[in-house]
Amino acid sequence: MTTQTTGLPHSSPDDSLGAIAASESILDLPEFERFVLVICVLEHYSIHDCALLLGKSPRDIKEARQRVGNQVGQIDGLSNISQRFAMR
């Protein structure tokens, strides 16, 4: 990541996490699915821990992960992330 003259981080094309954060598709996700994305994928919490944090059942978290995995898979250049995400 490089810093622009504004002092804000700028993601390089190789920065897949930056690509996720900057993606319009991810920003369009419902709030619950975005939380699941951040907690399970970016922060590497287990499904059980994520369920406890969000006050949901593990089944709700698994279903949300699947929906997010499908959404991320539609974004160019992020297919590896979506495949790893769906496999967990």
C-alpha atoms as a PDB file:
ATOM      1  CA  MET A   1       0.000   0.000   0.000  1.00  0.00           C
ATOM      2  CA  THR A   2       1.222   3.494  -0.777  1.00  0.00           C
ATOM      3  CA  THR A   3       0.180   6.789   0.740  1.00  0.00           C
ATOM      4  CA  GLN A   4      -1.310   9.492  -1.437  1.00  0.00           C
ATOM      5  CA  THR A   5      -0.608  13.188  -0.892  1.00  0.00           C
ATOM      6  CA  THR A   6      -3.840  13.329   1.127  1.00  0.00           C
ATOM      7  CA  GLY A   7      -2.239  11.034   3.712  1.00  0.00           C
ATOM      8  CA  LEU A   8      -4.813   8.328   3.061  1.00  0.00           C
ATOM      9  CA  PRO A   9      -3.660   4.827   2.146  1.00  0.00           C
ATOM     10  CA  HIS A  10      -3.938   3.905  -1.509  1.00  0.00           C
ATOM     11  CA  SER A  11      -4.346   0.255  -2.465  1.00  0.00           C
ATOM     12  CA  SER A  12      -2.188  -1.211  -5.169  1.00  0.00           C
ATOM     13  CA  PRO A  13      -3.807  -3.620  -7.658  1.00  0.00           C
ATOM     14  CA  ASP A  14      -2.007  -6.498  -5.920  1.00  0.00           C
ATOM     15  CA  ASP A  15      -3.529  -5.633  -2.551  1.00  0.00           C
ATOM     16  CA  SER A  16      -6.528  -7.998  -2.451  1.00  0.00           C
ATOM     17  CA  LEU A  17      -7.785  -6.741   0.925  1.00  0.00           C
ATOM     18  CA  GLY A  18      -7.718  -3.202  -0.439  1.00  0.00           C
ATOM     19  CA  ALA A  19      -9.607  -4.429  -3.482  1.00  0.00           C
ATOM     20  CA  ILE A  20     -12.286  -5.893  -1.218  1.00  0.00           C
ATOM     21  CA  ALA A  21     -12.576  -2.716   0.826  1.00  0.00           C
ATOM     22  CA  ALA A  22     -12.767  -0.508  -2.255  1.00  0.00           C
ATOM     23  CA  SER A  23     -15.247  -2.671  -4.091  1.00  0.00           C
ATOM     24  CA  GLU A  24     -18.674  -1.218  -4.753  1.00  0.00           C
ATOM     25  CA  SER A  25     -20.126  -4.739  -4.553  1.00  0.00           C
ATOM     26  CA  ILE A  26     -18.870  -5.219  -1.006  1.00  0.00           C
ATOM     27  CA  LEU A  27     -20.077  -1.792   0.028  1.00  0.00           C
ATOM     28  CA  ASP A  28     -23.502  -2.700  -1.340  1.00  0.00           C
ATOM     29  CA  LEU A  29     -23.743  -5.771   0.907  1.00  0.00           C
ATOM     30  CA  PRO A  30     -26.290  -5.640   3.701  1.00  0.00           C
ATOM     31  CA  GLU A  31     -24.821  -4.658   7.056  1.00  0.00           C
ATOM     32  CA  PHE A  32     -24.956  -8.174   8.548  1.00  0.00           C
ATOM     33  CA  GLU A  33     -23.056  -9.704   5.611  1.00  0.00           C
ATOM     34  CA  ARG A  34     -20.393  -6.970   5.813  1.00  0.00           C
ATOM     35  CA  PHE A  35     -19.902  -7.725   9.512  1.00  0.00           C
ATOM     36  CA  VAL A  36     -19.540 -11.429   8.723  1.00  0.00           C
ATOM     37  CA  LEU A  37     -17.000 -10.616   6.002  1.00  0.00           C
ATOM     38  CA  VAL A  38     -14.880  -8.525   8.340  1.00  0.00           C
ATOM     39  CA  ILE A  39     -15.119 -10.790  11.386  1.00  0.00           C
ATOM     40  CA  CYS A  40     -14.759 -14.200   9.707  1.00  0.00           C
ATOM     41  CA  VAL A  41     -12.583 -13.474   6.710  1.00  0.00           C
ATOM     42  CA  LEU A  42     -10.477 -10.435   7.459  1.00  0.00           C
ATOM     43  CA  GLU A  43     -10.153 -10.995  11.223  1.00  0.00           C
ATOM     44  CA  HIS A  44     -10.136 -14.836  11.001  1.00  0.00           C
ATOM     45  CA  TYR A  45     -12.674 -15.445  13.768  1.00  0.00           C
ATOM     46  CA  SER A  46     -14.368 -18.850  13.817  1.00  0.00           C
ATOM     47  CA  ILE A  47     -18.014 -19.221  12.826  1.00  0.00           C
ATOM     48  CA  HIS A  48     -18.857 -19.950  16.464  1.00  0.00           C
ATOM     49  CA  ASP A  49     -17.070 -16.830  17.746  1.00  0.00           C
ATOM     50  CA  CYS A  50     -18.641 -14.691  15.034  1.00  0.00           C
ATOM     51  CA  ALA A  51     -22.085 -16.031  15.997  1.00  0.00           C
ATOM     52  CA  LEU A  52     -21.463 -15.148  19.644  1.00  0.00           C
ATOM     53  CA  LEU A  53     -20.274 -11.637  18.773  1.00  0.00           C
ATOM     54  CA  LEU A  54     -23.251 -10.927  16.525  1.00  0.00           C
ATOM     55  CA  GLY A  55     -25.875 -12.698  18.642  1.00  0.00           C
ATOM     56  CA  LYS A  56     -26.782 -15.071  15.795  1.00  0.00           C
ATOM     57  CA  SER A  57     -26.746 -18.811  15.314  1.00  0.00           C
ATOM     58  CA  PRO A  58     -23.773 -20.516  13.653  1.00  0.00           C
ATOM     59  CA  ARG A  59     -26.171 -21.504  10.866  1.00  0.00           C
ATOM     60  CA  ASP A  60     -26.987 -17.800  10.246  1.00  0.00           C
ATOM     61  CA  ILE A  61     -23.267 -17.056  10.015  1.00  0.00           C
ATOM     62  CA  LYS A  62     -22.629 -19.967   7.621  1.00  0.00           C
ATOM     63  CA  GLU A  63     -25.464 -18.809   5.363  1.00  0.00           C
ATOM     64  CA  ALA A  64     -24.183 -15.222   5.417  1.00  0.00           C
ATOM     65  CA  ARG A  65     -20.655 -16.426   4.589  1.00  0.00           C
ATOM     66  CA  GLN A  66     -22.041 -18.294   1.599  1.00  0.00           C
ATOM     67  CA  ARG A  67     -23.899 -15.202   0.382  1.00  0.00           C
ATOM     68  CA  VAL A  68     -20.795 -13.055   0.823  1.00  0.00           C
ATOM     69  CA  GLY A  69     -18.639 -15.679  -0.901  1.00  0.00           C
ATOM     70  CA  ASN A  70     -20.977 -15.606  -3.876  1.00  0.00           C
ATOM     71  CA  GLN A  71     -20.893 -11.796  -3.959  1.00  0.00           C
ATOM     72  CA  VAL A  72     -17.094 -11.626  -3.709  1.00  0.00           C
ATOM     73  CA  GLY A  73     -16.817 -14.225  -6.471  1.00  0.00           C
ATOM     74  CA  GLN A  74     -18.519 -11.816  -8.864  1.00  0.00           C
ATOM     75  CA  ILE A  75     -15.731  -9.260  -8.463  1.00  0.00           C
ATOM     76  CA  ASP A  76     -12.909  -9.489 -11.013  1.00  0.00           C
ATOM     77  CA  GLY A  77      -9.587 -10.602  -9.601  1.00  0.00           C
ATOM     78  CA  LEU A  78     -10.923 -11.876  -6.293  1.00  0.00           C
ATOM     79  CA  SER A  79     -11.870 -15.429  -7.218  1.00  0.00           C
ATOM     80  CA  ASN A  80      -9.142 -16.964  -5.003  1.00  0.00           C
ATOM     81  CA  ILE A  81     -10.436 -15.066  -1.989  1.00  0.00           C
ATOM     82  CA  SER A  82     -14.022 -16.101  -2.625  1.00  0.00           C
ATOM     83  CA  GLN A  83     -13.000 -19.747  -3.051  1.00  0.00           C
ATOM     84  CA  ARG A  84     -11.043 -19.749   0.223  1.00  0.00           C
ATOM     85  CA  PHE A  85     -13.928 -17.925   1.894  1.00  0.00           C
ATOM     86  CA  ALA A  86     -16.554 -20.426   0.780  1.00  0.00           C
ATOM     87  CA  MET A  87     -14.393 -23.420   1.738  1.00  0.00           C
ATOM     88  CA  ARG A  88     -14.050 -22.478   5.433  1.00  0.00           C
END
